[in-house]
């Protein structure tokens, strides 16, 4: 059965996007070969993303690298939103309920990961005790503001390192 994994690239001060969702800061840190990213891409069977992230900034917009994993991901995408577009998007399913979105994404992923993109959806999954793992790529930059990776608001969440994985790949304990 698929696991839900929240993976994100984060600044050293805890932001995954700059002010107003700006992702341009990430451009200079992309393109470096990383075996963890390669393994993650190979083991991602579906993506679950929030509507803000889906329609938000992409540091590769208008290039061959636009999209998830620098344009290298070509699989099912599920967008959690209460406001689906009037026109369908090829390869994208819009879902208005978290549990339904997770179930559909897990079915599509098979025995691979459902990779979550977006802090809001990740927090909803964490609060619903659906999130299985967290993978953080930390880049050497301080953004000073923007979208935080997590807003746990006093909620203590215990994480344990995933055996055999990178220093920032954790299992979530409930």
C-alpha atoms as a PDB file:
ATOM      1  CA  UNK A   1       0.000   0.000   0.000  1.00  0.00           C
ATOM      2  CA  UNK A   2       1.220   3.481  -0.817  1.00  0.00           C
ATOM      3  CA  UNK A   3       2.623   5.746   1.869  1.00  0.00           C
ATOM      4  CA  UNK A   4       2.045   9.496   2.128  1.00  0.00           C
ATOM      5  CA  UNK A   5       5.330  11.383   1.996  1.00  0.00           C
ATOM      6  CA  UNK A   6       5.687  15.134   2.355  1.00  0.00           C
ATOM      7  CA  UNK A   7       8.894  16.139   0.610  1.00  0.00           C
ATOM      8  CA  UNK A   8      10.044  19.719   0.335  1.00  0.00           C
ATOM      9  CA  UNK A   9      13.101  21.834  -0.179  1.00  0.00           C
ATOM     10  CA  UNK A  10      13.449  24.248   2.716  1.00  0.00           C
ATOM     11  CA  UNK A  11      15.601  27.259   3.497  1.00  0.00           C
ATOM     12  CA  UNK A  12      17.711  26.992   6.610  1.00  0.00           C
ATOM     13  CA  UNK A  13      15.255  29.290   8.416  1.00  0.00           C
ATOM     14  CA  UNK A  14      12.304  26.983   7.684  1.00  0.00           C
ATOM     15  CA  UNK A  15      10.603  28.353   4.545  1.00  0.00           C
ATOM     16  CA  UNK A  16       9.585  26.359   1.466  1.00  0.00           C
ATOM     17  CA  UNK A  17       8.498  29.454  -0.480  1.00  0.00           C
ATOM     18  CA  UNK A  18       9.337  33.100  -0.171  1.00  0.00           C
ATOM     19  CA  UNK A  19       6.866  35.949   0.386  1.00  0.00           C
ATOM     20  CA  UNK A  20       3.722  35.620  -1.784  1.00  0.00           C
ATOM     21  CA  UNK A  21       4.725  32.052  -2.662  1.00  0.00           C
ATOM     22  CA  UNK A  22       7.847  33.132  -4.575  1.00  0.00           C
ATOM     23  CA  UNK A  23       9.909  30.142  -5.664  1.00  0.00           C
ATOM     24  CA  UNK A  24      12.606  31.965  -7.661  1.00  0.00           C
ATOM     25  CA  UNK A  25      15.074  31.539  -4.768  1.00  0.00           C
ATOM     26  CA  UNK A  26      15.119  27.820  -5.516  1.00  0.00           C
ATOM     27  CA  UNK A  27      16.473  28.157  -9.080  1.00  0.00           C
ATOM     28  CA  UNK A  28      20.113  28.449  -8.087  1.00  0.00           C
ATOM     29  CA  UNK A  29      19.838  25.277  -5.978  1.00  0.00           C
ATOM     30  CA  UNK A  30      18.291  23.072  -8.653  1.00  0.00           C
ATOM     31  CA  UNK A  31      19.993  20.889 -11.215  1.00  0.00           C
ATOM     32  CA  UNK A  32      22.484  19.352  -8.811  1.00  0.00           C
ATOM     33  CA  UNK A  33      22.438  15.571  -9.117  1.00  0.00           C
ATOM     34  CA  UNK A  34      21.116  14.093  -5.890  1.00  0.00           C
ATOM     35  CA  UNK A  35      20.707  10.310  -5.496  1.00  0.00           C
ATOM     36  CA  UNK A  36      17.914  10.802  -2.937  1.00  0.00           C
ATOM     37  CA  UNK A  37      15.882  12.869  -5.421  1.00  0.00           C
ATOM     38  CA  UNK A  38      16.504  10.283  -8.153  1.00  0.00           C
ATOM     39  CA  UNK A  39      15.344   7.474  -5.833  1.00  0.00           C
ATOM     40  CA  UNK A  40      12.330   9.510  -4.684  1.00  0.00           C
ATOM     41  CA  UNK A  41      11.243  10.231  -8.261  1.00  0.00           C
ATOM     42  CA  UNK A  42      11.543   6.549  -9.179  1.00  0.00           C
ATOM     43  CA  UNK A  43       9.408   5.627  -6.164  1.00  0.00           C
ATOM     44  CA  UNK A  44       6.696   8.269  -6.554  1.00  0.00           C
ATOM     45  CA  UNK A  45       3.488   6.795  -7.946  1.00  0.00           C
ATOM     46  CA  UNK A  46       1.223   9.836  -7.517  1.00  0.00           C
ATOM     47  CA  UNK A  47       1.331  13.433  -6.382  1.00  0.00           C
ATOM     48  CA  UNK A  48      -1.152  15.051  -4.005  1.00  0.00           C
ATOM     49  CA  UNK A  49      -0.976  18.823  -4.159  1.00  0.00           C
ATOM     50  CA  UNK A  50      -2.947  21.760  -2.865  1.00  0.00           C
ATOM     51  CA  UNK A  51      -4.560  24.203  -5.269  1.00  0.00           C
ATOM     52  CA  UNK A  52      -2.302  27.094  -4.206  1.00  0.00           C
ATOM     53  CA  UNK A  53       0.808  25.054  -4.929  1.00  0.00           C
ATOM     54  CA  UNK A  54      -0.644  23.606  -8.132  1.00  0.00           C
ATOM     55  CA  UNK A  55      -1.375  27.043  -9.532  1.00  0.00           C
ATOM     56  CA  UNK A  56       1.501  28.802  -7.797  1.00  0.00           C
ATOM     57  CA  UNK A  57       4.979  29.874  -8.737  1.00  0.00           C
ATOM     58  CA  UNK A  58       7.329  27.471 -10.524  1.00  0.00           C
ATOM     59  CA  UNK A  59      10.987  28.493 -10.796  1.00  0.00           C
ATOM     60  CA  UNK A  60      11.060  26.647 -14.129  1.00  0.00           C
ATOM     61  CA  UNK A  61       7.859  28.106 -15.609  1.00  0.00           C
ATOM     62  CA  UNK A  62       8.028  28.250 -19.382  1.00  0.00           C
ATOM     63  CA  UNK A  63      10.963  25.836 -19.647  1.00  0.00           C
ATOM     64  CA  UNK A  64      11.360  22.109 -20.229  1.00  0.00           C
ATOM     65  CA  UNK A  65      11.874  21.735 -16.472  1.00  0.00           C
ATOM     66  CA  UNK A  66       8.477  23.155 -15.496  1.00  0.00           C
ATOM     67  CA  UNK A  67       6.518  20.981 -13.075  1.00  0.00           C
ATOM     68  CA  UNK A  68       7.206  18.548 -10.270  1.00  0.00           C
ATOM     69  CA  UNK A  69      10.762  17.237  -9.953  1.00  0.00           C
ATOM     70  CA  UNK A  70      11.980  19.762 -12.508  1.00  0.00           C
ATOM     71  CA  UNK A  71       9.548  18.435 -15.097  1.00  0.00           C
ATOM     72  CA  UNK A  72      10.761  14.838 -14.696  1.00  0.00           C
ATOM     73  CA  UNK A  73       7.542  13.544 -13.051  1.00  0.00           C
ATOM     74  CA  UNK A  74       4.972  12.161 -15.484  1.00  0.00           C
ATOM     75  CA  UNK A  75       2.234  10.463 -13.506  1.00  0.00           C
ATOM     76  CA  UNK A  76      -1.114  11.013 -11.847  1.00  0.00           C
ATOM     77  CA  UNK A  77      -1.663  14.273  -9.982  1.00  0.00           C
ATOM     78  CA  UNK A  78      -4.481  14.897  -7.493  1.00  0.00           C
ATOM     79  CA  UNK A  79      -5.279  18.490  -6.554  1.00  0.00           C
ATOM     80  CA  UNK A  80      -7.123  19.104  -3.298  1.00  0.00           C
ATOM     81  CA  UNK A  81      -9.442  22.076  -3.882  1.00  0.00           C
ATOM     82  CA  UNK A  82     -12.951  23.359  -3.362  1.00  0.00           C
ATOM     83  CA  UNK A  83     -12.639  25.363  -6.582  1.00  0.00           C
ATOM     84  CA  UNK A  84     -11.791  23.080  -9.520  1.00  0.00           C
ATOM     85  CA  UNK A  85     -11.262  24.772 -12.876  1.00  0.00           C
ATOM     86  CA  UNK A  86     -14.048  24.818 -15.456  1.00  0.00           C
ATOM     87  CA  UNK A  87     -11.792  23.142 -18.020  1.00  0.00           C
ATOM     88  CA  UNK A  88     -10.191  19.768 -17.156  1.00  0.00           C
ATOM     89  CA  UNK A  89      -6.417  19.452 -17.082  1.00  0.00           C
ATOM     90  CA  UNK A  90      -4.891  16.346 -18.674  1.00  0.00           C
ATOM     91  CA  UNK A  91      -3.492  13.937 -16.080  1.00  0.00           C
ATOM     92  CA  UNK A  92      -4.912  15.939 -13.162  1.00  0.00           C
ATOM     93  CA  UNK A  93      -7.823  14.961 -10.925  1.00  0.00           C
ATOM     94  CA  UNK A  94      -9.421  17.669  -8.792  1.00  0.00           C
ATOM     95  CA  UNK A  95     -10.859  16.433  -5.485  1.00  0.00           C
ATOM     96  CA  UNK A  96     -12.672  18.461  -2.809  1.00  0.00           C
ATOM     97  CA  UNK A  97     -12.277  16.117   0.169  1.00  0.00           C
ATOM     98  CA  UNK A  98      -8.991  15.227   1.874  1.00  0.00           C
ATOM     99  CA  UNK A  99      -9.838  11.598   2.630  1.00  0.00           C
ATOM    100  CA  UNK A 100     -11.119  10.979  -0.891  1.00  0.00           C
ATOM    101  CA  UNK A 101      -8.058  12.664  -2.409  1.00  0.00           C
ATOM    102  CA  UNK A 102      -5.723  10.530  -0.278  1.00  0.00           C
ATOM    103  CA  UNK A 103      -7.600   7.320  -1.126  1.00  0.00           C
ATOM    104  CA  UNK A 104      -7.578   8.066  -4.870  1.00  0.00           C
ATOM    105  CA  UNK A 105      -3.901   9.041  -4.841  1.00  0.00           C
ATOM    106  CA  UNK A 106      -2.955   5.900  -2.891  1.00  0.00           C
ATOM    107  CA  UNK A 107      -4.834   3.687  -5.352  1.00  0.00           C
ATOM    108  CA  UNK A 108      -3.065   5.380  -8.248  1.00  0.00           C
ATOM    109  CA  UNK A 109       0.352   5.091  -6.557  1.00  0.00           C
ATOM    110  CA  UNK A 110       0.045   1.351  -5.928  1.00  0.00           C
ATOM    111  CA  UNK A 111       2.999   0.322  -3.768  1.00  0.00           C
ATOM    112  CA  UNK A 112       4.905   3.565  -4.388  1.00  0.00           C
ATOM    113  CA  UNK A 113       4.773   6.885  -2.557  1.00  0.00           C
ATOM    114  CA  UNK A 114       2.119   9.560  -2.789  1.00  0.00           C
ATOM    115  CA  UNK A 115       4.318  12.633  -2.725  1.00  0.00           C
ATOM    116  CA  UNK A 116       2.640  15.631  -1.108  1.00  0.00           C
ATOM    117  CA  UNK A 117       3.451  19.076  -2.450  1.00  0.00           C
ATOM    118  CA  UNK A 118       2.328  22.103  -0.465  1.00  0.00           C
ATOM    119  CA  UNK A 119       2.423  23.000   3.217  1.00  0.00           C
ATOM    120  CA  UNK A 120      -1.344  23.288   3.607  1.00  0.00           C
ATOM    121  CA  UNK A 121      -2.116  19.790   2.334  1.00  0.00           C
ATOM    122  CA  UNK A 122       0.765  18.357   4.351  1.00  0.00           C
ATOM    123  CA  UNK A 123      -0.619  19.962   7.522  1.00  0.00           C
ATOM    124  CA  UNK A 124      -4.112  18.640   6.786  1.00  0.00           C
ATOM    125  CA  UNK A 125      -2.658  15.137   6.390  1.00  0.00           C
ATOM    126  CA  UNK A 126      -0.643  15.504   9.597  1.00  0.00           C
ATOM    127  CA  UNK A 127      -3.669  16.725  11.571  1.00  0.00           C
ATOM    128  CA  UNK A 128      -5.760  13.819  10.197  1.00  0.00           C
ATOM    129  CA  UNK A 129      -2.926  11.423  11.161  1.00  0.00           C
ATOM    130  CA  UNK A 130      -2.538  10.303   7.542  1.00  0.00           C
ATOM    131  CA  UNK A 131       1.047  11.439   6.923  1.00  0.00           C
ATOM    132  CA  UNK A 132       3.578   8.608   7.019  1.00  0.00           C
ATOM    133  CA  UNK A 133       6.928  10.221   6.256  1.00  0.00           C
ATOM    134  CA  UNK A 134       8.654  13.579   5.818  1.00  0.00           C
ATOM    135  CA  UNK A 135      11.694  14.247   3.641  1.00  0.00           C
ATOM    136  CA  UNK A 136      13.424  17.619   3.883  1.00  0.00           C
ATOM    137  CA  UNK A 137      16.081  18.954   1.541  1.00  0.00           C
ATOM    138  CA  UNK A 138      17.777  21.917   3.221  1.00  0.00           C
ATOM    139  CA  UNK A 139      19.473  24.561   1.106  1.00  0.00           C
ATOM    140  CA  UNK A 140      21.967  27.134   2.375  1.00  0.00           C
ATOM    141  CA  UNK A 141      19.845  30.270   2.204  1.00  0.00           C
ATOM    142  CA  UNK A 142      17.891  32.357   4.716  1.00  0.00           C
ATOM    143  CA  UNK A 143      14.650  33.699   3.205  1.00  0.00           C
ATOM    144  CA  UNK A 144      13.490  35.672   6.235  1.00  0.00           C
ATOM    145  CA  UNK A 145       9.810  35.159   5.456  1.00  0.00           C
ATOM    146  CA  UNK A 146       7.302  33.339   3.296  1.00  0.00           C
ATOM    147  CA  UNK A 147       5.584  29.969   3.563  1.00  0.00           C
ATOM    148  CA  UNK A 148       6.800  27.834   6.460  1.00  0.00           C
ATOM    149  CA  UNK A 149       7.233  24.118   5.953  1.00  0.00           C
ATOM    150  CA  UNK A 150       5.000  23.436   8.972  1.00  0.00           C
ATOM    151  CA  UNK A 151       2.667  25.330  11.291  1.00  0.00           C
ATOM    152  CA  UNK A 152       2.152  22.854  14.088  1.00  0.00           C
ATOM    153  CA  UNK A 153       0.819  25.532  16.498  1.00  0.00           C
ATOM    154  CA  UNK A 154       1.775  23.788  19.713  1.00  0.00           C
ATOM    155  CA  UNK A 155       1.172  20.291  18.379  1.00  0.00           C
ATOM    156  CA  UNK A 156       4.138  18.088  19.232  1.00  0.00           C
ATOM    157  CA  UNK A 157       4.862  15.512  16.544  1.00  0.00           C
ATOM    158  CA  UNK A 158       7.432  12.804  17.140  1.00  0.00           C
ATOM    159  CA  UNK A 159       9.620  11.915  14.153  1.00  0.00           C
ATOM    160  CA  UNK A 160      12.005   8.995  13.806  1.00  0.00           C
ATOM    161  CA  UNK A 161      14.750   8.659  11.199  1.00  0.00           C
ATOM    162  CA  UNK A 162      13.855   6.245   8.398  1.00  0.00           C
ATOM    163  CA  UNK A 163      16.483   3.488   8.431  1.00  0.00           C
ATOM    164  CA  UNK A 164      18.873   3.578   5.520  1.00  0.00           C
ATOM    165  CA  UNK A 165      17.722   6.991   4.278  1.00  0.00           C
ATOM    166  CA  UNK A 166      19.183  10.475   4.354  1.00  0.00           C
ATOM    167  CA  UNK A 167      19.707  12.448   7.540  1.00  0.00           C
ATOM    168  CA  UNK A 168      16.434  14.333   6.956  1.00  0.00           C
ATOM    169  CA  UNK A 169      13.986  11.529   6.078  1.00  0.00           C
ATOM    170  CA  UNK A 170      11.642  10.758   8.955  1.00  0.00           C
ATOM    171  CA  UNK A 171       8.747   8.518   9.858  1.00  0.00           C
ATOM    172  CA  UNK A 172       5.814  10.214  11.608  1.00  0.00           C
ATOM    173  CA  UNK A 173       4.621   8.751  14.917  1.00  0.00           C
ATOM    174  CA  UNK A 174       1.092   9.305  16.179  1.00  0.00           C
END
